[in-house]
Amino acid sequence: MYWVYILYREKNTRLYVGCTYNLQERMQRHENGYVRATRFRIPLKLIHTERFQDKTKAFNRERFLKSLWGSREKRKIKQKYLDTLKNNNDYTGLKPHD
């Protein structure tokens, strides 16, 4: 199983998009500063995940979200997360894509 995920940094409201086969291990690597791209962005909040059975589909989705065309969708995801914070709801963002 593969995961595409989005991390949010509250300090500057930036997003990070990644893809992994082990989400829990990858999150620990982010939190402990072992991921070069996010090392200086800690703390990060996991705001969205998508699950894929197929590795190629997962990496294509990650590539799309990192593209200019995917930025609109990322903004919607971020806004949904921020709206739920305002409403004091728990938002996990977990979304299966089987």
Foldseek 3Di string as FASTA:
>chain_A
DKKWWWKAQPVVRDIDIDMDPDVVVVQVCLQVQVDPVRNPRPPIDTQAMEADPDPVVRVVVSVCCPDPNNVVVVVVSSVVSVVCVVVVHDGNNYHYDD
